[in-house]
Amino acid sequence: MMRVRFAAGRLTFARVGGGRFQIGPSALAVMRRYVQDAPEKAEAGGILLGRHILGTDDIIVDDVTTPMPGDRRSRFQFFRARRRHQEAIDRAWQESSGTCTYLGEWHTHPELCPIPSLIDRLRWQQKLLRDRFSEPIFFVIVGISEVRVWERLRHHRLMPLQLL
């Protein structure tokens, strides 16, 4: 499983089938603002927005959405409402002339080294069964001191990514 201490700048991971998955500096900075390092901080999350690099298997996360009205947050749960986050996906796609796209989901956990809960795994599975896509989907969990990333194709198992 991928484990990494927070670092300045970007995080780059090796994808299982080749290529790299990179969380860019501005996306990482936004996610770091929501780290649950105090008991009063609720889980947060959103979607990953970024690019597939042509001619490679590399993917870069350039931006993330953050909690929006309609999302439900508590210390141990984050539920993302679809409508406003979908509007952000549509806007990013249009403003980038089709180069910025949905890459997956992110959320926080109130633990040092985040581990997907049963609820996380069930929601990820529901997403894979419900949504139509041809590209892999990425799931990022931001812990108090570490970030972990998983990749999943529709009919393949969840695969942890390794830090480069």
N, C-alpha and C. Protein backbone atom coordinates (compact mmCIF):
# COMPACT_ATOMS: atom_id res chain seq x y z
N MET A 1 0.83 -1.18 0.00
CA MET A 1 0.00 0.00 0.00
C MET A 1 0.87 1.24 0.00
N MET A 2 0.40 2.29 -0.65
CA MET A 2 1.15 3.52 -0.75
C MET A 2 1.04 4.32 0.54
N ARG A 3 2.17 4.71 1.06
CA ARG A 3 2.21 5.57 2.23
C ARG A 3 3.21 6.67 1.95
N VAL A 4 2.83 7.89 2.26
CA VAL A 4 3.74 9.00 2.05
C VAL A 4 3.47 10.08 3.08
N ARG A 5 4.50 10.60 3.63
CA ARG A 5 4.36 11.75 4.51
C ARG A 5 4.11 12.96 3.62
N PHE A 6 3.37 13.93 4.15
CA PHE A 6 3.12 15.14 3.38
C PHE A 6 4.44 15.78 3.00
N ALA A 7 4.53 16.21 1.79
CA ALA A 7 5.72 16.88 1.30
C ALA A 7 5.29 18.15 0.59
N ALA A 8 6.23 19.07 0.49
CA ALA A 8 5.95 20.29 -0.26
C ALA A 8 5.91 19.94 -1.75
N GLY A 9 5.20 20.72 -2.51
CA GLY A 9 5.17 20.50 -3.95
C GLY A 9 4.17 19.47 -4.37
N ARG A 10 4.63 18.53 -5.17
CA ARG A 10 3.74 17.54 -5.78
C ARG A 10 4.06 16.15 -5.27
N LEU A 11 3.12 15.24 -5.44
CA LEU A 11 3.34 13.83 -5.12
C LEU A 11 3.19 13.04 -6.42
N THR A 12 4.12 12.15 -6.68
CA THR A 12 4.08 11.34 -7.90
C THR A 12 4.12 9.86 -7.52
N PHE A 13 3.23 9.08 -8.12
CA PHE A 13 3.08 7.67 -7.82
C PHE A 13 3.22 6.86 -9.10
N ALA A 14 3.71 5.63 -8.96
CA ALA A 14 3.79 4.70 -10.08
C ALA A 14 2.45 4.00 -10.23
N ARG A 15 1.91 4.02 -11.44
CA ARG A 15 0.68 3.28 -11.72
C ARG A 15 1.02 1.82 -11.96
N VAL A 16 0.12 0.95 -11.61
CA VAL A 16 0.39 -0.49 -11.68
C VAL A 16 0.68 -0.94 -13.11
N GLY A 17 -0.08 -0.45 -14.08
CA GLY A 17 0.11 -0.86 -15.46
C GLY A 17 1.10 -0.02 -16.24
N GLY A 18 1.81 0.85 -15.57
CA GLY A 18 2.75 1.75 -16.24
C GLY A 18 2.24 3.18 -16.18
N GLY A 19 3.14 4.10 -16.30
CA GLY A 19 2.79 5.52 -16.23
C GLY A 19 2.84 6.02 -14.80
N ARG A 20 2.55 7.31 -14.67
CA ARG A 20 2.60 7.96 -13.37
C ARG A 20 1.27 8.67 -13.08
N PHE A 21 0.98 8.78 -11.79
CA PHE A 21 -0.16 9.55 -11.30
C PHE A 21 0.43 10.62 -10.41
N GLN A 22 0.18 11.87 -10.77
CA GLN A 22 0.78 12.98 -10.02
C GLN A 22 -0.29 13.91 -9.47
N ILE A 23 -0.16 14.25 -8.18
CA ILE A 23 -1.01 15.27 -7.57
C ILE A 23 -0.20 16.54 -7.58
N GLY A 24 -0.65 17.53 -8.36
CA GLY A 24 0.07 18.78 -8.51
C GLY A 24 0.05 19.63 -7.26
N PRO A 25 0.93 20.64 -7.21
CA PRO A 25 1.09 21.44 -5.99
C PRO A 25 -0.17 22.17 -5.54
N SER A 26 -0.94 22.74 -6.44
CA SER A 26 -2.12 23.49 -5.99
C SER A 26 -3.21 22.54 -5.49
N ALA A 27 -3.39 21.39 -6.15
CA ALA A 27 -4.37 20.41 -5.67
C ALA A 27 -3.96 19.87 -4.31
N LEU A 28 -2.68 19.57 -4.13
CA LEU A 28 -2.20 19.05 -2.85
C LEU A 28 -2.37 20.08 -1.74
N ALA A 29 -2.09 21.34 -2.06
CA ALA A 29 -2.24 22.41 -1.05
C ALA A 29 -3.69 22.53 -0.59
N VAL A 30 -4.64 22.41 -1.52
CA VAL A 30 -6.05 22.48 -1.15
C VAL A 30 -6.42 21.32 -0.24
N MET A 31 -6.03 20.11 -0.60
CA MET A 31 -6.36 18.95 0.22
C MET A 31 -5.73 19.04 1.61
N ARG A 32 -4.54 19.56 1.69
CA ARG A 32 -3.85 19.70 2.98
C ARG A 32 -4.60 20.63 3.94
N ARG A 33 -5.34 21.60 3.40
CA ARG A 33 -6.11 22.52 4.26
C ARG A 33 -7.18 21.80 5.06
N TYR A 34 -7.59 20.62 4.61
CA TYR A 34 -8.68 19.89 5.25
C TYR A 34 -8.21 18.73 6.13
N VAL A 35 -6.91 18.61 6.36
CA VAL A 35 -6.40 17.52 7.20
C VAL A 35 -7.10 17.56 8.55
N GLN A 36 -7.55 16.42 9.02
CA GLN A 36 -8.30 16.31 10.28
C GLN A 36 -7.35 16.13 11.46
N ASP A 37 -6.60 17.17 11.76
CA ASP A 37 -5.59 17.11 12.81
C ASP A 37 -6.08 17.65 14.16
N ALA A 38 -7.38 17.85 14.28
CA ALA A 38 -8.00 18.27 15.54
C ALA A 38 -9.37 17.60 15.64
N PRO A 39 -9.81 17.29 16.86
CA PRO A 39 -11.08 16.55 17.04
C PRO A 39 -12.31 17.25 16.46
N GLU A 40 -12.29 18.57 16.37
CA GLU A 40 -13.46 19.28 15.86
C GLU A 40 -13.54 19.32 14.34
N LYS A 41 -12.51 18.85 13.64
CA LYS A 41 -12.50 18.90 12.17
C LYS A 41 -13.24 17.71 11.58
N ALA A 42 -14.20 18.01 10.71
CA ALA A 42 -14.99 16.98 10.05
C ALA A 42 -14.29 16.49 8.79
N GLU A 43 -14.68 15.30 8.33
CA GLU A 43 -14.15 14.81 7.06
C GLU A 43 -14.54 15.78 5.96
N ALA A 44 -13.68 15.86 4.96
CA ALA A 44 -13.92 16.72 3.81
C ALA A 44 -13.56 15.91 2.56
N GLY A 45 -13.95 16.42 1.42
CA GLY A 45 -13.60 15.73 0.19
C GLY A 45 -14.15 16.43 -1.03
N GLY A 46 -13.99 15.77 -2.14
CA GLY A 46 -14.46 16.32 -3.40
C GLY A 46 -14.00 15.43 -4.55
N ILE A 47 -13.86 16.04 -5.70
CA ILE A 47 -13.45 15.31 -6.89
C ILE A 47 -12.07 15.76 -7.33
N LEU A 48 -11.41 14.89 -8.08
CA LEU A 48 -10.09 15.16 -8.66
C LEU A 48 -10.29 15.60 -10.10
N LEU A 49 -9.69 16.71 -10.48
CA LEU A 49 -9.77 17.22 -11.85
C LEU A 49 -8.36 17.32 -12.43
N GLY A 50 -8.20 16.89 -13.67
CA GLY A 50 -6.87 16.97 -14.25
C GLY A 50 -6.81 16.46 -15.67
N ARG A 51 -5.60 15.99 -16.04
CA ARG A 51 -5.32 15.68 -17.44
C ARG A 51 -4.69 14.30 -17.62
N HIS A 52 -5.00 13.70 -18.76
CA HIS A 52 -4.29 12.52 -19.25
C HIS A 52 -3.26 13.08 -20.23
N ILE A 53 -1.99 12.76 -20.03
CA ILE A 53 -0.93 13.29 -20.89
C ILE A 53 -0.86 12.45 -22.16
N LEU A 54 -1.06 13.11 -23.30
CA LEU A 54 -1.10 12.42 -24.59
C LEU A 54 0.19 11.66 -24.85
N GLY A 55 0.04 10.47 -25.41
CA GLY A 55 1.19 9.65 -25.77
C GLY A 55 1.85 8.93 -24.60
N THR A 56 1.25 9.05 -23.41
CA THR A 56 1.80 8.39 -22.21
C THR A 56 0.64 7.80 -21.41
N ASP A 57 0.99 7.12 -20.35
CA ASP A 57 -0.01 6.66 -19.39
C ASP A 57 -0.01 7.54 -18.15
N ASP A 58 0.56 8.74 -18.27
CA ASP A 58 0.66 9.66 -17.14
C ASP A 58 -0.61 10.47 -16.97
N ILE A 59 -0.93 10.72 -15.70
CA ILE A 59 -2.12 11.49 -15.33
C ILE A 59 -1.71 12.51 -14.29
N ILE A 60 -2.21 13.74 -14.43
CA ILE A 60 -1.88 14.80 -13.49
C ILE A 60 -3.16 15.39 -12.92
N VAL A 61 -3.23 15.45 -11.58
CA VAL A 61 -4.33 16.12 -10.88
C VAL A 61 -3.93 17.59 -10.73
N ASP A 62 -4.67 18.47 -11.39
CA ASP A 62 -4.39 19.90 -11.34
C ASP A 62 -5.22 20.64 -10.30
N ASP A 63 -6.40 20.11 -10.01
CA ASP A 63 -7.32 20.82 -9.13
C ASP A 63 -8.23 19.80 -8.45
N VAL A 64 -8.85 20.23 -7.37
CA VAL A 64 -9.85 19.41 -6.67
C VAL A 64 -11.00 20.32 -6.27
N THR A 65 -12.18 19.72 -6.17
CA THR A 65 -13.27 20.47 -5.56
C THR A 65 -13.19 20.26 -4.06
N THR A 66 -13.83 21.14 -3.33
CA THR A 66 -13.86 21.09 -1.87
C THR A 66 -15.30 20.97 -1.42
N PRO A 67 -15.54 20.75 -0.13
CA PRO A 67 -16.93 20.63 0.32
C PRO A 67 -17.80 21.80 -0.14
N MET A 68 -18.99 21.46 -0.59
CA MET A 68 -19.94 22.44 -1.13
C MET A 68 -21.27 22.32 -0.39
N PRO A 69 -22.12 23.34 -0.54
CA PRO A 69 -23.46 23.22 0.05
C PRO A 69 -24.15 21.97 -0.47
N GLY A 70 -24.77 21.25 0.43
CA GLY A 70 -25.43 19.99 0.08
C GLY A 70 -24.61 18.77 0.47
N ASP A 71 -23.30 18.92 0.60
CA ASP A 71 -22.46 17.82 1.08
C ASP A 71 -22.77 17.61 2.56
N ARG A 72 -22.59 16.38 3.02
CA ARG A 72 -22.79 16.09 4.45
C ARG A 72 -21.44 15.70 5.05
N ARG A 73 -21.11 16.35 6.17
CA ARG A 73 -19.81 16.13 6.81
C ARG A 73 -19.98 15.85 8.29
N SER A 74 -19.19 14.89 8.79
CA SER A 74 -19.09 14.65 10.22
C SER A 74 -17.66 14.21 10.49
N ARG A 75 -17.34 13.93 11.72
CA ARG A 75 -15.98 13.54 12.07
C ARG A 75 -15.53 12.29 11.30
N PHE A 76 -16.44 11.36 11.07
CA PHE A 76 -16.07 10.09 10.46
C PHE A 76 -16.80 9.79 9.15
N GLN A 77 -17.34 10.83 8.52
CA GLN A 77 -18.05 10.58 7.26
C GLN A 77 -18.09 11.83 6.41
N PHE A 78 -17.96 11.61 5.09
CA PHE A 78 -18.16 12.68 4.11
C PHE A 78 -19.03 12.11 3.00
N PHE A 79 -20.12 12.79 2.70
CA PHE A 79 -20.98 12.38 1.60
C PHE A 79 -21.06 13.54 0.63
N ARG A 80 -20.59 13.31 -0.59
CA ARG A 80 -20.55 14.35 -1.61
C ARG A 80 -21.88 14.37 -2.37
N ALA A 81 -22.54 15.52 -2.34
CA ALA A 81 -23.74 15.71 -3.16
C ALA A 81 -23.29 15.86 -4.61
N ARG A 82 -24.03 15.32 -5.52
CA ARG A 82 -23.57 15.26 -6.91
C ARG A 82 -23.66 16.57 -7.70
N ARG A 83 -24.77 17.26 -7.57
CA ARG A 83 -25.08 18.35 -8.50
C ARG A 83 -24.00 19.41 -8.60
N ARG A 84 -23.59 20.01 -7.51
CA ARG A 84 -22.63 21.12 -7.57
C ARG A 84 -21.24 20.65 -8.01
N HIS A 85 -20.85 19.46 -7.58
CA HIS A 85 -19.56 18.93 -8.01
C HIS A 85 -19.60 18.62 -9.52
N GLN A 86 -20.75 18.10 -10.01
CA GLN A 86 -20.88 17.85 -11.44
C GLN A 86 -20.80 19.16 -12.22
N GLU A 87 -21.38 20.21 -11.69
CA GLU A 87 -21.28 21.52 -12.35
C GLU A 87 -19.82 21.95 -12.44
N ALA A 88 -19.02 21.68 -11.40
CA ALA A 88 -17.59 22.02 -11.42
C ALA A 88 -16.86 21.20 -12.48
N ILE A 89 -17.21 19.92 -12.61
CA ILE A 89 -16.61 19.07 -13.65
C ILE A 89 -16.94 19.64 -15.03
N ASP A 90 -18.21 19.94 -15.26
CA ASP A 90 -18.65 20.47 -16.55
C ASP A 90 -17.96 21.79 -16.88
N ARG A 91 -17.85 22.66 -15.88
CA ARG A 91 -17.20 23.97 -16.07
C ARG A 91 -15.71 23.79 -16.42
N ALA A 92 -15.02 22.92 -15.70
CA ALA A 92 -13.60 22.67 -15.96
C ALA A 92 -13.40 22.12 -17.37
N TRP A 93 -14.27 21.22 -17.79
CA TRP A 93 -14.20 20.64 -19.13
C TRP A 93 -14.37 21.72 -20.20
N GLN A 94 -15.39 22.55 -20.01
CA GLN A 94 -15.67 23.60 -21.00
C GLN A 94 -14.56 24.65 -21.04
N GLU A 95 -14.12 25.12 -19.87
CA GLU A 95 -13.09 26.16 -19.81
C GLU A 95 -11.75 25.69 -20.33
N SER A 96 -11.49 24.38 -20.29
CA SER A 96 -10.21 23.84 -20.76
C SER A 96 -10.29 23.32 -22.19
N SER A 97 -11.41 23.52 -22.85
CA SER A 97 -11.64 23.00 -24.20
C SER A 97 -11.47 21.48 -24.24
N GLY A 98 -11.92 20.82 -23.18
CA GLY A 98 -11.93 19.37 -23.16
C GLY A 98 -10.66 18.70 -22.70
N THR A 99 -9.75 19.43 -22.05
CA THR A 99 -8.53 18.80 -21.57
C THR A 99 -8.55 18.50 -20.07
N CYS A 100 -9.36 19.21 -19.30
CA CYS A 100 -9.46 18.98 -17.86
C CYS A 100 -10.69 18.11 -17.61
N THR A 101 -10.49 16.97 -16.98
CA THR A 101 -11.56 16.00 -16.84
C THR A 101 -11.62 15.42 -15.43
N TYR A 102 -12.69 14.71 -15.17
CA TYR A 102 -12.88 14.00 -13.90
C TYR A 102 -11.89 12.84 -13.84
N LEU A 103 -11.16 12.73 -12.72
CA LEU A 103 -10.20 11.65 -12.53
C LEU A 103 -10.56 10.72 -11.38
N GLY A 104 -11.41 11.20 -10.46
CA GLY A 104 -11.76 10.37 -9.32
C GLY A 104 -12.22 11.18 -8.13
N GLU A 105 -12.04 10.61 -6.95
CA GLU A 105 -12.57 11.18 -5.71
C GLU A 105 -11.45 11.33 -4.68
N TRP A 106 -11.63 12.27 -3.77
CA TRP A 106 -10.73 12.37 -2.62
C TRP A 106 -11.54 12.68 -1.38
N HIS A 107 -11.02 12.26 -0.24
CA HIS A 107 -11.60 12.66 1.04
C HIS A 107 -10.56 12.46 2.14
N THR A 108 -10.87 12.99 3.32
CA THR A 108 -9.95 12.91 4.44
C THR A 108 -10.39 11.81 5.41
N HIS A 109 -9.46 11.40 6.24
CA HIS A 109 -9.72 10.49 7.35
C HIS A 109 -9.02 11.03 8.59
N PRO A 110 -9.62 10.86 9.76
CA PRO A 110 -9.00 11.35 11.00
C PRO A 110 -8.03 10.32 11.60
N GLU A 111 -7.09 9.87 10.79
CA GLU A 111 -6.09 8.91 11.25
C GLU A 111 -4.76 9.23 10.57
N LEU A 112 -3.67 8.84 11.22
CA LEU A 112 -2.35 9.15 10.67
C LEU A 112 -2.16 8.53 9.30
N CYS A 113 -2.37 7.24 9.20
CA CYS A 113 -2.20 6.48 7.96
C CYS A 113 -3.57 6.00 7.51
N PRO A 114 -4.21 6.67 6.58
CA PRO A 114 -5.60 6.35 6.24
C PRO A 114 -5.75 4.99 5.56
N ILE A 115 -6.79 4.30 5.97
CA ILE A 115 -7.16 2.99 5.42
C ILE A 115 -8.61 3.11 4.96
N PRO A 116 -8.95 2.65 3.76
CA PRO A 116 -10.34 2.76 3.32
C PRO A 116 -11.26 1.95 4.24
N SER A 117 -12.32 2.59 4.66
CA SER A 117 -13.31 1.90 5.50
C SER A 117 -14.17 1.00 4.61
N LEU A 118 -14.97 0.18 5.24
CA LEU A 118 -15.92 -0.65 4.50
C LEU A 118 -16.87 0.24 3.71
N ILE A 119 -17.30 1.34 4.31
CA ILE A 119 -18.19 2.28 3.60
C ILE A 119 -17.48 2.86 2.38
N ASP A 120 -16.20 3.23 2.52
CA ASP A 120 -15.44 3.73 1.38
C ASP A 120 -15.44 2.71 0.24
N ARG A 121 -15.10 1.48 0.58
CA ARG A 121 -15.00 0.43 -0.44
C ARG A 121 -16.36 0.16 -1.11
N LEU A 122 -17.42 0.19 -0.33
CA LEU A 122 -18.76 0.00 -0.91
C LEU A 122 -19.15 1.15 -1.82
N ARG A 123 -18.86 2.38 -1.42
CA ARG A 123 -19.17 3.54 -2.27
C ARG A 123 -18.34 3.52 -3.55
N TRP A 124 -17.07 3.15 -3.43
CA TRP A 124 -16.23 3.06 -4.62
C TRP A 124 -16.79 2.01 -5.58
N GLN A 125 -17.21 0.88 -5.05
CA GLN A 125 -17.77 -0.19 -5.87
C GLN A 125 -19.07 0.28 -6.54
N GLN A 126 -19.92 0.98 -5.79
CA GLN A 126 -21.16 1.51 -6.37
C GLN A 126 -20.86 2.47 -7.51
N LYS A 127 -19.88 3.32 -7.31
CA LYS A 127 -19.49 4.29 -8.34
C LYS A 127 -19.05 3.57 -9.61
N LEU A 128 -18.24 2.54 -9.46
CA LEU A 128 -17.75 1.79 -10.60
C LEU A 128 -18.87 1.06 -11.34
N LEU A 129 -19.87 0.60 -10.61
CA LEU A 129 -20.99 -0.10 -11.24
C LEU A 129 -21.98 0.86 -11.89
N ARG A 130 -22.15 2.04 -11.31
CA ARG A 130 -23.17 2.99 -11.74
C ARG A 130 -22.71 3.88 -12.89
N ASP A 131 -21.51 4.40 -12.80
CA ASP A 131 -21.04 5.40 -13.77
C ASP A 131 -20.43 4.74 -15.00
N ARG A 132 -20.51 5.44 -16.10
CA ARG A 132 -19.90 4.97 -17.35
C ARG A 132 -18.59 5.70 -17.56
N PHE A 133 -17.54 4.93 -17.75
CA PHE A 133 -16.24 5.51 -18.03
C PHE A 133 -15.36 4.44 -18.65
N SER A 134 -14.36 4.88 -19.40
CA SER A 134 -13.43 3.93 -20.01
C SER A 134 -12.04 4.04 -19.40
N GLU A 135 -11.80 5.11 -18.70
CA GLU A 135 -10.49 5.32 -18.07
C GLU A 135 -10.51 4.87 -16.62
N PRO A 136 -9.34 4.62 -16.03
CA PRO A 136 -9.30 4.25 -14.61
C PRO A 136 -9.80 5.40 -13.73
N ILE A 137 -10.26 5.03 -12.55
CA ILE A 137 -10.70 6.01 -11.55
C ILE A 137 -9.72 5.93 -10.38
N PHE A 138 -9.43 7.08 -9.80
CA PHE A 138 -8.48 7.16 -8.68
C PHE A 138 -9.21 7.59 -7.42
N PHE A 139 -8.79 7.01 -6.31
CA PHE A 139 -9.35 7.33 -5.01
C PHE A 139 -8.20 7.75 -4.10
N VAL A 140 -8.29 8.95 -3.56
CA VAL A 140 -7.25 9.50 -2.69
C VAL A 140 -7.85 9.68 -1.30
N ILE A 141 -7.13 9.19 -0.29
CA ILE A 141 -7.52 9.46 1.10
C ILE A 141 -6.37 10.22 1.74
N VAL A 142 -6.71 11.37 2.31
CA VAL A 142 -5.74 12.23 2.97
C VAL A 142 -5.85 12.01 4.47
N GLY A 143 -4.80 11.48 5.05
CA GLY A 143 -4.74 11.27 6.49
C GLY A 143 -4.06 12.45 7.16
N ILE A 144 -3.81 12.31 8.45
CA ILE A 144 -3.18 13.39 9.21
C ILE A 144 -1.74 13.59 8.77
N SER A 145 -1.01 12.52 8.52
CA SER A 145 0.39 12.66 8.12
C SER A 145 0.72 11.97 6.81
N GLU A 146 -0.20 11.23 6.24
CA GLU A 146 0.07 10.51 5.00
C GLU A 146 -1.09 10.61 4.03
N VAL A 147 -0.74 10.48 2.75
CA VAL A 147 -1.72 10.44 1.67
C VAL A 147 -1.60 9.07 1.03
N ARG A 148 -2.74 8.46 0.73
CA ARG A 148 -2.74 7.16 0.06
C ARG A 148 -3.62 7.23 -1.17
N VAL A 149 -3.23 6.50 -2.20
CA VAL A 149 -3.92 6.54 -3.49
C VAL A 149 -4.17 5.13 -3.98
N TRP A 150 -5.37 4.90 -4.54
CA TRP A 150 -5.74 3.63 -5.15
C TRP A 150 -6.26 3.91 -6.55
N GLU A 151 -6.06 2.95 -7.44
CA GLU A 151 -6.54 3.03 -8.81
C GLU A 151 -7.43 1.83 -9.08
N ARG A 152 -8.48 2.08 -9.84
CA ARG A 152 -9.39 0.97 -10.13
C ARG A 152 -9.98 1.12 -11.52
N LEU A 153 -9.89 0.06 -12.29
CA LEU A 153 -10.63 -0.06 -13.53
C LEU A 153 -11.94 -0.75 -13.21
N ARG A 154 -12.92 -0.59 -14.07
CA ARG A 154 -14.26 -1.11 -13.80
C ARG A 154 -14.26 -2.58 -13.39
N HIS A 155 -13.57 -3.43 -14.09
CA HIS A 155 -13.65 -4.87 -13.81
C HIS A 155 -12.35 -5.42 -13.21
N HIS A 156 -11.57 -4.58 -12.62
CA HIS A 156 -10.34 -5.01 -11.98
C HIS A 156 -10.38 -4.67 -10.50
N ARG A 157 -9.49 -5.25 -9.76
CA ARG A 157 -9.49 -4.97 -8.32
C ARG A 157 -8.81 -3.64 -8.02
N LEU A 158 -9.08 -3.16 -6.85
CA LEU A 158 -8.51 -1.92 -6.37
C LEU A 158 -7.01 -2.11 -6.17
N MET A 159 -6.20 -1.21 -6.75
CA MET A 159 -4.76 -1.35 -6.68
C MET A 159 -4.14 -0.12 -6.01
N PRO A 160 -3.35 -0.34 -4.95
CA PRO A 160 -2.64 0.79 -4.32
C PRO A 160 -1.51 1.26 -5.22
N LEU A 161 -1.26 2.55 -5.22
CA LEU A 161 -0.16 3.11 -5.99
C LEU A 161 1.04 3.34 -5.09
N GLN A 162 2.22 3.24 -5.66
CA GLN A 162 3.46 3.41 -4.90
C GLN A 162 4.10 4.76 -5.22
N LEU A 163 4.59 5.42 -4.18
CA LEU A 163 5.27 6.69 -4.33
C LEU A 163 6.58 6.51 -5.08
N LEU A 164 6.86 7.40 -6.02
CA LEU A 164 8.15 7.39 -6.73
C LEU A 164 9.15 8.27 -6.00
